[in-house]
Amino acid sequence: MRKLLSVFAVGAMLAVGTFSGAVFASKFTSLPPPIQGAKALQLVLAADTVTGPSGGADESRTCAQSNYFHAGQTVVFRMWANDVKNGGYPITNLTVVKGYPVVTIPSSPTPILLPMSYVQEPYGAPPSKQTSYFEAHWMVPTGYPLGVINFTITAKTLKTKKYPVLTGTYTQKGFSSNSQLQITA
Protein backbone atom coordinates (compact mmCIF):
# COMPACT_ATOMS: atom_id res chain seq x y z
CA MET A 1 0.00 0.00 0.00
CA ARG A 2 2.85 2.33 0.90
CA LYS A 3 4.50 1.66 -2.50
CA LEU A 4 1.22 2.47 -4.30
CA LEU A 5 0.90 5.78 -2.42
CA SER A 6 4.49 6.66 -3.31
CA VAL A 7 3.88 6.00 -7.00
CA PHE A 8 0.66 8.04 -6.86
CA ALA A 9 2.44 10.94 -5.11
CA VAL A 10 5.26 11.00 -7.68
CA GLY A 11 2.72 10.87 -10.52
CA ALA A 12 0.70 13.72 -9.02
CA MET A 13 3.83 15.87 -8.59
CA LEU A 14 4.83 15.25 -12.21
CA ALA A 15 1.34 16.14 -13.45
CA VAL A 16 1.26 19.37 -11.41
CA GLY A 17 4.78 20.28 -12.55
CA THR A 18 3.96 19.67 -16.19
CA PHE A 19 0.73 21.68 -15.99
CA SER A 20 2.48 24.56 -14.19
CA GLY A 21 5.26 24.61 -16.77
CA ALA A 22 2.75 24.70 -19.63
CA VAL A 23 0.83 27.59 -18.03
CA PHE A 24 4.05 29.52 -17.37
CA ALA A 25 5.31 28.95 -20.95
CA SER A 26 2.01 30.04 -22.50
CA LYS A 27 1.96 33.26 -20.45
CA PHE A 28 5.51 34.30 -21.25
CA THR A 29 6.07 32.91 -24.75
CA SER A 30 4.74 34.83 -27.73
CA LEU A 31 3.46 32.97 -30.75
CA PRO A 32 4.98 33.65 -34.17
CA PRO A 33 2.90 35.79 -36.55
CA PRO A 34 0.54 33.85 -38.83
CA ILE A 35 1.67 33.05 -42.37
CA GLN A 36 -0.82 35.58 -43.66
CA GLY A 37 0.71 38.47 -41.76
CA ALA A 38 -1.02 40.73 -39.25
CA LYS A 39 -4.45 40.50 -40.88
CA ALA A 40 -6.20 37.53 -42.42
CA LEU A 41 -6.02 37.21 -46.20
CA GLN A 42 -8.79 36.02 -48.49
CA LEU A 43 -6.47 34.31 -50.95
CA VAL A 44 -3.00 32.96 -50.24
CA LEU A 45 -0.73 32.97 -53.29
CA ALA A 46 2.59 31.17 -53.66
CA ALA A 47 4.85 31.77 -56.63
CA ASP A 48 8.25 31.04 -58.08
CA THR A 49 10.22 31.62 -61.27
CA VAL A 50 11.80 28.96 -63.45
CA THR A 51 13.81 28.95 -66.65
CA GLY A 52 11.79 28.60 -69.82
CA PRO A 53 12.51 27.56 -73.39
CA SER A 54 14.78 29.94 -75.30
CA GLY A 55 15.98 29.65 -78.87
CA GLY A 56 14.06 26.47 -79.71
CA ALA A 57 15.13 24.55 -76.61
CA ASP A 58 13.15 21.46 -75.65
CA GLU A 59 10.62 22.75 -73.09
CA SER A 60 10.78 19.59 -70.99
CA ARG A 61 14.51 20.20 -70.34
CA THR A 62 14.30 23.85 -69.32
CA CYS A 63 12.27 24.03 -66.11
CA ALA A 64 14.87 24.84 -63.44
CA GLN A 65 13.99 27.06 -60.48
CA SER A 66 15.95 30.29 -60.70
CA ASN A 67 15.68 33.98 -59.92
CA TYR A 68 18.67 35.20 -61.98
CA PHE A 69 18.05 35.85 -65.68
CA HIS A 70 19.67 37.86 -68.46
CA ALA A 71 18.45 39.41 -71.71
CA GLY A 72 17.19 36.77 -74.13
CA GLN A 73 16.27 34.24 -71.43
CA THR A 74 12.67 33.24 -70.78
CA VAL A 75 11.32 33.71 -67.27
CA VAL A 76 8.38 31.45 -66.42
CA PHE A 77 6.28 32.79 -63.57
CA ARG A 78 4.37 30.03 -61.74
CA MET A 79 1.62 30.57 -59.18
CA TRP A 80 -0.53 28.43 -56.89
CA ALA A 81 -3.40 29.93 -54.88
CA ASN A 82 -5.86 28.84 -52.21
CA ASP A 83 -9.14 30.47 -51.20
CA VAL A 84 -8.55 30.47 -47.44
CA LYS A 85 -11.64 32.52 -46.65
CA ASN A 86 -14.04 29.91 -47.98
CA GLY A 87 -12.45 26.64 -46.92
CA GLY A 88 -8.94 26.44 -48.40
CA TYR A 89 -9.96 25.40 -51.89
CA PRO A 90 -7.36 25.66 -54.68
CA ILE A 91 -7.96 28.33 -57.30
CA THR A 92 -8.34 26.93 -60.84
CA ASN A 93 -9.07 28.22 -64.33
CA LEU A 94 -12.78 27.68 -63.56
CA THR A 95 -12.78 29.93 -60.48
CA VAL A 96 -10.92 33.06 -61.68
CA VAL A 97 -12.08 36.18 -63.51
CA LYS A 98 -11.06 36.23 -67.20
CA GLY A 99 -7.64 37.86 -67.55
CA TYR A 100 -6.55 36.78 -64.06
CA PRO A 101 -4.20 35.89 -62.54
CA VAL A 102 -1.93 38.50 -64.08
CA VAL A 103 1.79 39.22 -63.63
CA THR A 104 2.70 42.91 -63.52
CA ILE A 105 6.31 43.74 -64.40
CA PRO A 106 7.49 47.31 -63.87
CA SER A 107 8.59 48.94 -67.11
CA SER A 108 8.84 52.48 -68.38
CA PRO A 109 6.59 54.14 -69.47
CA THR A 110 3.91 51.51 -68.80
CA PRO A 111 4.04 48.21 -66.88
CA ILE A 112 4.09 44.89 -68.72
CA LEU A 113 0.98 42.80 -67.99
CA LEU A 114 1.17 39.04 -68.53
CA PRO A 115 -2.09 37.08 -68.14
CA MET A 116 -1.38 33.64 -66.72
CA SER A 117 -2.57 30.34 -68.21
CA TYR A 118 -3.71 27.29 -66.24
CA VAL A 119 -1.50 24.27 -66.90
CA GLN A 120 -1.32 20.68 -65.74
CA GLU A 121 1.93 18.70 -65.71
CA PRO A 122 3.32 16.34 -66.74
CA TYR A 123 1.68 16.97 -70.09
CA GLY A 124 -0.23 13.95 -71.38
CA ALA A 125 -0.36 12.20 -67.99
CA PRO A 126 -3.71 11.17 -66.51
CA PRO A 127 -5.27 13.99 -64.41
CA SER A 128 -4.76 12.01 -61.18
CA LYS A 129 -0.99 12.10 -61.84
CA GLN A 130 -0.77 15.81 -62.72
CA THR A 131 -0.06 18.93 -60.69
CA SER A 132 -1.87 22.13 -61.66
CA TYR A 133 -0.84 25.76 -61.47
CA PHE A 134 -0.88 29.04 -63.41
CA GLU A 135 2.05 30.21 -65.53
CA ALA A 136 3.13 33.10 -67.76
CA HIS A 137 6.23 33.35 -69.97
CA TRP A 138 8.31 36.50 -70.47
CA MET A 139 11.45 36.78 -72.56
CA VAL A 140 13.72 39.41 -71.01
CA PRO A 141 14.16 42.08 -73.70
CA THR A 142 17.56 43.41 -74.67
CA GLY A 143 18.27 46.60 -72.74
CA TYR A 144 15.88 45.82 -69.87
CA PRO A 145 17.31 47.51 -66.73
CA LEU A 146 19.57 45.32 -64.59
CA GLY A 147 18.68 44.57 -60.97
CA VAL A 148 15.71 43.38 -58.94
CA ILE A 149 12.33 43.24 -60.68
CA ASN A 150 9.57 43.99 -58.20
CA PHE A 151 6.87 42.05 -60.03
CA THR A 152 3.47 41.28 -58.56
CA ILE A 153 0.88 38.60 -59.33
CA THR A 154 -2.78 39.41 -58.76
CA ALA A 155 -5.55 36.80 -58.69
CA LYS A 156 -9.27 37.53 -58.64
CA THR A 157 -11.99 34.91 -58.19
CA LEU A 158 -15.41 34.78 -59.77
CA LYS A 159 -18.43 35.73 -57.69
CA THR A 160 -20.75 32.82 -57.00
CA LYS A 161 -24.12 32.54 -55.26
CA LYS A 162 -22.29 31.43 -52.15
CA TYR A 163 -19.01 33.43 -52.27
CA PRO A 164 -18.07 37.05 -53.10
CA VAL A 165 -15.24 38.10 -55.43
CA LEU A 166 -11.90 37.65 -53.66
CA THR A 167 -8.61 39.30 -54.63
CA GLY A 168 -5.07 38.38 -53.59
CA THR A 169 -1.64 39.69 -54.54
CA TYR A 170 1.77 38.03 -54.42
CA THR A 171 4.83 40.21 -54.04
CA GLN A 172 8.51 39.67 -53.28
CA LYS A 173 8.48 42.67 -50.94
CA GLY A 174 10.37 41.85 -47.77
CA PHE A 175 12.43 39.03 -49.31
CA SER A 176 16.22 39.21 -49.35
CA SER A 177 17.40 40.73 -52.65
CA ASN A 178 19.22 37.42 -53.33
CA SER A 179 15.81 35.70 -53.31
CA GLN A 180 14.09 38.15 -55.65
CA LEU A 181 13.85 38.02 -59.43
CA GLN A 182 16.90 39.79 -60.87
CA ILE A 183 18.12 40.70 -64.32
CA THR A 184 21.90 40.28 -64.59
CA ALA A 185 24.46 41.10 -67.29
C-alpha atoms as a PDB file:
ATOM      1  CA  MET A   1       0.000   0.000   0.000  1.00  0.00           C
ATOM      2  CA  ARG A   2       2.846   2.330   0.898  1.00  0.00           C
ATOM      3  CA  LYS A   3       4.498   1.661  -2.499  1.00  0.00           C
ATOM      4  CA  LEU A   4       1.220   2.469  -4.305  1.00  0.00           C
ATOM      5  CA  LEU A   5       0.897   5.776  -2.420  1.00  0.00           C
ATOM      6  CA  SER A   6       4.487   6.663  -3.306  1.00  0.00           C
ATOM      7  CA  VAL A   7       3.875   6.000  -7.003  1.00  0.00           C
ATOM      8  CA  PHE A   8       0.665   8.039  -6.861  1.00  0.00           C
ATOM      9  CA  ALA A   9       2.439  10.938  -5.109  1.00  0.00           C
ATOM     10  CA  VAL A  10       5.256  10.997  -7.679  1.00  0.00           C
ATOM     11  CA  GLY A  11       2.725  10.870 -10.521  1.00  0.00           C
ATOM     12  CA  ALA A  12       0.700  13.721  -9.019  1.00  0.00           C
ATOM     13  CA  MET A  13       3.833  15.869  -8.593  1.00  0.00           C
ATOM     14  CA  LEU A  14       4.834  15.246 -12.213  1.00  0.00           C
ATOM     15  CA  ALA A  15       1.344  16.145 -13.451  1.00  0.00           C
ATOM     16  CA  VAL A  16       1.256  19.373 -11.407  1.00  0.00           C
ATOM     17  CA  GLY A  17       4.778  20.284 -12.550  1.00  0.00           C
ATOM     18  CA  THR A  18       3.965  19.666 -16.195  1.00  0.00           C
ATOM     19  CA  PHE A  19       0.732  21.679 -15.985  1.00  0.00           C
ATOM     20  CA  SER A  20       2.484  24.558 -14.195  1.00  0.00           C
ATOM     21  CA  GLY A  21       5.255  24.605 -16.773  1.00  0.00           C
ATOM     22  CA  ALA A  22       2.752  24.704 -19.626  1.00  0.00           C
ATOM     23  CA  VAL A  23       0.833  27.587 -18.025  1.00  0.00           C
ATOM     24  CA  PHE A  24       4.053  29.517 -17.373  1.00  0.00           C
ATOM     25  CA  ALA A  25       5.307  28.952 -20.945  1.00  0.00           C
ATOM     26  CA  SER A  26       2.007  30.041 -22.504  1.00  0.00           C
ATOM     27  CA  LYS A  27       1.957  33.258 -20.453  1.00  0.00           C
ATOM     28  CA  PHE A  28       5.512  34.303 -21.253  1.00  0.00           C
ATOM     29  CA  THR A  29       6.075  32.912 -24.746  1.00  0.00           C
ATOM     30  CA  SER A  30       4.742  34.831 -27.732  1.00  0.00           C
ATOM     31  CA  LEU A  31       3.464  32.974 -30.752  1.00  0.00           C
ATOM     32  CA  PRO A  32       4.978  33.652 -34.174  1.00  0.00           C
ATOM     33  CA  PRO A  33       2.902  35.785 -36.549  1.00  0.00           C
ATOM     34  CA  PRO A  34       0.538  33.853 -38.829  1.00  0.00           C
ATOM     35  CA  ILE A  35       1.673  33.046 -42.367  1.00  0.00           C
ATOM     36  CA  GLN A  36      -0.820  35.581 -43.664  1.00  0.00           C
ATOM     37  CA  GLY A  37       0.711  38.473 -41.756  1.00  0.00           C
ATOM     38  CA  ALA A  38      -1.025  40.728 -39.254  1.00  0.00           C
ATOM     39  CA  LYS A  39      -4.451  40.503 -40.881  1.00  0.00           C
ATOM     40  CA  ALA A  40      -6.196  37.529 -42.425  1.00  0.00           C
ATOM     41  CA  LEU A  41      -6.020  37.213 -46.200  1.00  0.00           C
ATOM     42  CA  GLN A  42      -8.786  36.025 -48.486  1.00  0.00           C
ATOM     43  CA  LEU A  43      -6.472  34.307 -50.952  1.00  0.00           C
ATOM     44  CA  VAL A  44      -2.999  32.960 -50.242  1.00  0.00           C
ATOM     45  CA  LEU A  45      -0.732  32.969 -53.285  1.00  0.00           C
ATOM     46  CA  ALA A  46       2.588  31.168 -53.659  1.00  0.00           C
ATOM     47  CA  ALA A  47       4.850  31.767 -56.627  1.00  0.00           C
ATOM     48  CA  ASP A  48       8.251  31.041 -58.084  1.00  0.00           C
ATOM     49  CA  THR A  49      10.220  31.624 -61.274  1.00  0.00           C
ATOM     50  CA  VAL A  50      11.795  28.957 -63.446  1.00  0.00           C
ATOM     51  CA  THR A  51      13.805  28.949 -66.648  1.00  0.00           C
ATOM     52  CA  GLY A  52      11.792  28.603 -69.819  1.00  0.00           C
ATOM     53  CA  PRO A  53      12.510  27.565 -73.389  1.00  0.00           C
ATOM     54  CA  SER A  54      14.776  29.945 -75.300  1.00  0.00           C
ATOM     55  CA  GLY A  55      15.980  29.649 -78.871  1.00  0.00           C
ATOM     56  CA  GLY A  56      14.061  26.474 -79.713  1.00  0.00           C
ATOM     57  CA  ALA A  57      15.128  24.549 -76.611  1.00  0.00           C
ATOM     58  CA  ASP A  58      13.147  21.456 -75.652  1.00  0.00           C
ATOM     59  CA  GLU A  59      10.623  22.752 -73.087  1.00  0.00           C
ATOM     60  CA  SER A  60      10.778  19.592 -70.993  1.00  0.00           C
ATOM     61  CA  ARG A  61      14.506  20.197 -70.343  1.00  0.00           C
ATOM     62  CA  THR A  62      14.297  23.848 -69.319  1.00  0.00           C
ATOM     63  CA  CYS A  63      12.269  24.032 -66.114  1.00  0.00           C
ATOM     64  CA  ALA A  64      14.865  24.841 -63.441  1.00  0.00           C
ATOM     65  CA  GLN A  65      13.992  27.055 -60.483  1.00  0.00           C
ATOM     66  CA  SER A  66      15.953  30.293 -60.704  1.00  0.00           C
ATOM     67  CA  ASN A  67      15.680  33.984 -59.919  1.00  0.00           C
ATOM     68  CA  TYR A  68      18.670  35.198 -61.977  1.00  0.00           C
ATOM     69  CA  PHE A  69      18.045  35.851 -65.683  1.00  0.00           C
ATOM     70  CA  HIS A  70      19.671  37.861 -68.455  1.00  0.00           C
ATOM     71  CA  ALA A  71      18.453  39.406 -71.710  1.00  0.00           C
ATOM     72  CA  GLY A  72      17.189  36.767 -74.128  1.00  0.00           C
ATOM     73  CA  GLN A  73      16.268  34.244 -71.432  1.00  0.00           C
ATOM     74  CA  THR A  74      12.667  33.239 -70.784  1.00  0.00           C
ATOM     75  CA  VAL A  75      11.319  33.711 -67.267  1.00  0.00           C
ATOM     76  CA  VAL A  76       8.384  31.453 -66.418  1.00  0.00           C
ATOM     77  CA  PHE A  77       6.278  32.794 -63.568  1.00  0.00           C
ATOM     78  CA  ARG A  78       4.367  30.025 -61.739  1.00  0.00           C
ATOM     79  CA  MET A  79       1.620  30.571 -59.182  1.00  0.00           C
ATOM     80  CA  TRP A  80      -0.530  28.430 -56.889  1.00  0.00           C
ATOM     81  CA  ALA A  81      -3.401  29.930 -54.880  1.00  0.00           C
ATOM     82  CA  ASN A  82      -5.864  28.842 -52.205  1.00  0.00           C
ATOM     83  CA  ASP A  83      -9.137  30.465 -51.198  1.00  0.00           C
ATOM     84  CA  VAL A  84      -8.553  30.471 -47.437  1.00  0.00           C
ATOM     85  CA  LYS A  85     -11.641  32.524 -46.649  1.00  0.00           C
ATOM     86  CA  ASN A  86     -14.041  29.906 -47.975  1.00  0.00           C
ATOM     87  CA  GLY A  87     -12.454  26.636 -46.919  1.00  0.00           C
ATOM     88  CA  GLY A  88      -8.945  26.443 -48.400  1.00  0.00           C
ATOM     89  CA  TYR A  89      -9.960  25.401 -51.895  1.00  0.00           C
ATOM     90  CA  PRO A  90      -7.361  25.660 -54.680  1.00  0.00           C
ATOM     91  CA  ILE A  91      -7.964  28.334 -57.300  1.00  0.00           C
ATOM     92  CA  THR A  92      -8.340  26.925 -60.841  1.00  0.00           C
ATOM     93  CA  ASN A  93      -9.074  28.224 -64.325  1.00  0.00           C
ATOM     94  CA  LEU A  94     -12.778  27.680 -63.559  1.00  0.00           C
ATOM     95  CA  THR A  95     -12.780  29.934 -60.485  1.00  0.00           C
ATOM     96  CA  VAL A  96     -10.921  33.064 -61.677  1.00  0.00           C
ATOM     97  CA  VAL A  97     -12.082  36.176 -63.515  1.00  0.00           C
ATOM     98  CA  LYS A  98     -11.056  36.230 -67.201  1.00  0.00           C
ATOM     99  CA  GLY A  99      -7.639  37.857 -67.554  1.00  0.00           C
ATOM    100  CA  TYR A 100      -6.551  36.781 -64.065  1.00  0.00           C
ATOM    101  CA  PRO A 101      -4.201  35.887 -62.538  1.00  0.00           C
ATOM    102  CA  VAL A 102      -1.932  38.501 -64.084  1.00  0.00           C
ATOM    103  CA  VAL A 103       1.789  39.216 -63.626  1.00  0.00           C
ATOM    104  CA  THR A 104       2.698  42.914 -63.524  1.00  0.00           C
ATOM    105  CA  ILE A 105       6.314  43.736 -64.401  1.00  0.00           C
ATOM    106  CA  PRO A 106       7.487  47.306 -63.866  1.00  0.00           C
ATOM    107  CA  SER A 107       8.589  48.941 -67.106  1.00  0.00           C
ATOM    108  CA  SER A 108       8.839  52.484 -68.384  1.00  0.00           C
ATOM    109  CA  PRO A 109       6.592  54.144 -69.472  1.00  0.00           C
ATOM    110  CA  THR A 110       3.907  51.509 -68.801  1.00  0.00           C
ATOM    111  CA  PRO A 111       4.040  48.209 -66.885  1.00  0.00           C
ATOM    112  CA  ILE A 112       4.091  44.886 -68.723  1.00  0.00           C
ATOM    113  CA  LEU A 113       0.977  42.805 -67.990  1.00  0.00           C
ATOM    114  CA  LEU A 114       1.169  39.038 -68.531  1.00  0.00           C
ATOM    115  CA  PRO A 115      -2.091  37.084 -68.138  1.00  0.00           C
ATOM    116  CA  MET A 116      -1.379  33.639 -66.720  1.00  0.00           C
ATOM    117  CA  SER A 117      -2.570  30.335 -68.209  1.00  0.00           C
ATOM    118  CA  TYR A 118      -3.706  27.293 -66.238  1.00  0.00           C
ATOM    119  CA  VAL A 119      -1.496  24.266 -66.902  1.00  0.00           C
ATOM    120  CA  GLN A 120      -1.316  20.679 -65.735  1.00  0.00           C
ATOM    121  CA  GLU A 121       1.934  18.697 -65.707  1.00  0.00           C
ATOM    122  CA  PRO A 122       3.319  16.342 -66.740  1.00  0.00           C
ATOM    123  CA  TYR A 123       1.682  16.972 -70.094  1.00  0.00           C
ATOM    124  CA  GLY A 124      -0.233  13.955 -71.380  1.00  0.00           C
ATOM    125  CA  ALA A 125      -0.362  12.203 -67.991  1.00  0.00           C
ATOM    126  CA  PRO A 126      -3.714  11.172 -66.507  1.00  0.00           C
ATOM    127  CA  PRO A 127      -5.274  13.990 -64.406  1.00  0.00           C
ATOM    128  CA  SER A 128      -4.756  12.012 -61.184  1.00  0.00           C
ATOM    129  CA  LYS A 129      -0.989  12.097 -61.840  1.00  0.00           C
ATOM    130  CA  GLN A 130      -0.768  15.808 -62.719  1.00  0.00           C
ATOM    131  CA  THR A 131      -0.057  18.926 -60.689  1.00  0.00           C
ATOM    132  CA  SER A 132      -1.870  22.125 -61.660  1.00  0.00           C
ATOM    133  CA  TYR A 133      -0.845  25.760 -61.470  1.00  0.00           C
ATOM    134  CA  PHE A 134      -0.880  29.036 -63.411  1.00  0.00           C
ATOM    135  CA  GLU A 135       2.053  30.211 -65.529  1.00  0.00           C
ATOM    136  CA  ALA A 136       3.129  33.097 -67.758  1.00  0.00           C
ATOM    137  CA  HIS A 137       6.226  33.351 -69.970  1.00  0.00           C
ATOM    138  CA  TRP A 138       8.307  36.495 -70.467  1.00  0.00           C
ATOM    139  CA  MET A 139      11.449  36.779 -72.564  1.00  0.00           C
ATOM    140  CA  VAL A 140      13.718  39.407 -71.011  1.00  0.00           C
ATOM    141  CA  PRO A 141      14.156  42.079 -73.696  1.00  0.00           C
ATOM    142  CA  THR A 142      17.563  43.410 -74.673  1.00  0.00           C
ATOM    143  CA  GLY A 143      18.267  46.601 -72.742  1.00  0.00           C
ATOM    144  CA  TYR A 144      15.884  45.825 -69.873  1.00  0.00           C
ATOM    145  CA  PRO A 145      17.310  47.505 -66.732  1.00  0.00           C
ATOM    146  CA  LEU A 146      19.566  45.318 -64.588  1.00  0.00           C
ATOM    147  CA  GLY A 147      18.677  44.574 -60.972  1.00  0.00           C
ATOM    148  CA  VAL A 148      15.714  43.381 -58.942  1.00  0.00           C
ATOM    149  CA  ILE A 149      12.334  43.236 -60.677  1.00  0.00           C
ATOM    150  CA  ASN A 150       9.574  43.992 -58.205  1.00  0.00           C
ATOM    151  CA  PHE A 151       6.871  42.052 -60.028  1.00  0.00           C
ATOM    152  CA  THR A 152       3.466  41.280 -58.557  1.00  0.00           C
ATOM    153  CA  ILE A 153       0.882  38.604 -59.332  1.00  0.00           C
ATOM    154  CA  THR A 154      -2.778  39.410 -58.761  1.00  0.00           C
ATOM    155  CA  ALA A 155      -5.550  36.795 -58.691  1.00  0.00           C
ATOM    156  CA  LYS A 156      -9.271  37.526 -58.641  1.00  0.00           C
ATOM    157  CA  THR A 157     -11.986  34.908 -58.188  1.00  0.00           C
ATOM    158  CA  LEU A 158     -15.407  34.784 -59.774  1.00  0.00           C
ATOM    159  CA  LYS A 159     -18.427  35.728 -57.695  1.00  0.00           C
ATOM    160  CA  THR A 160     -20.755  32.821 -56.997  1.00  0.00           C
ATOM    161  CA  LYS A 161     -24.123  32.539 -55.258  1.00  0.00           C
ATOM    162  CA  LYS A 162     -22.287  31.430 -52.148  1.00  0.00           C
ATOM    163  CA  TYR A 163     -19.011  33.432 -52.269  1.00  0.00           C
ATOM    164  CA  PRO A 164     -18.067  37.046 -53.105  1.00  0.00           C
ATOM    165  CA  VAL A 165     -15.240  38.102 -55.433  1.00  0.00           C
ATOM    166  CA  LEU A 166     -11.897  37.647 -53.661  1.00  0.00           C
ATOM    167  CA  THR A 167      -8.606  39.297 -54.632  1.00  0.00           C
ATOM    168  CA  GLY A 168      -5.072  38.379 -53.589  1.00  0.00           C
ATOM    169  CA  THR A 169      -1.640  39.688 -54.537  1.00  0.00           C
ATOM    170  CA  TYR A 170       1.770  38.025 -54.418  1.00  0.00           C
ATOM    171  CA  THR A 171       4.832  40.210 -54.039  1.00  0.00           C
ATOM    172  CA  GLN A 172       8.509  39.665 -53.278  1.00  0.00           C
ATOM    173  CA  LYS A 173       8.478  42.674 -50.942  1.00  0.00           C
ATOM    174  CA  GLY A 174      10.370  41.845 -47.769  1.00  0.00           C
ATOM    175  CA  PHE A 175      12.433  39.025 -49.306  1.00  0.00           C
ATOM    176  CA  SER A 176      16.224  39.205 -49.355  1.00  0.00           C
ATOM    177  CA  SER A 177      17.397  40.731 -52.655  1.00  0.00           C
ATOM    178  CA  ASN A 178      19.220  37.424 -53.332  1.00  0.00           C
ATOM    179  CA  SER A 179      15.813  35.702 -53.306  1.00  0.00           C
ATOM    180  CA  GLN A 180      14.085  38.147 -55.647  1.00  0.00           C
ATOM    181  CA  LEU A 181      13.846  38.024 -59.428  1.00  0.00           C
ATOM    182  CA  GLN A 182      16.900  39.792 -60.870  1.00  0.00           C
ATOM    183  CA  ILE A 183      18.119  40.698 -64.317  1.00  0.00           C
ATOM    184  CA  THR A 184      21.898  40.284 -64.595  1.00  0.00           C
ATOM    185  CA  ALA A 185      24.456  41.098 -67.291  1.00  0.00           C
END
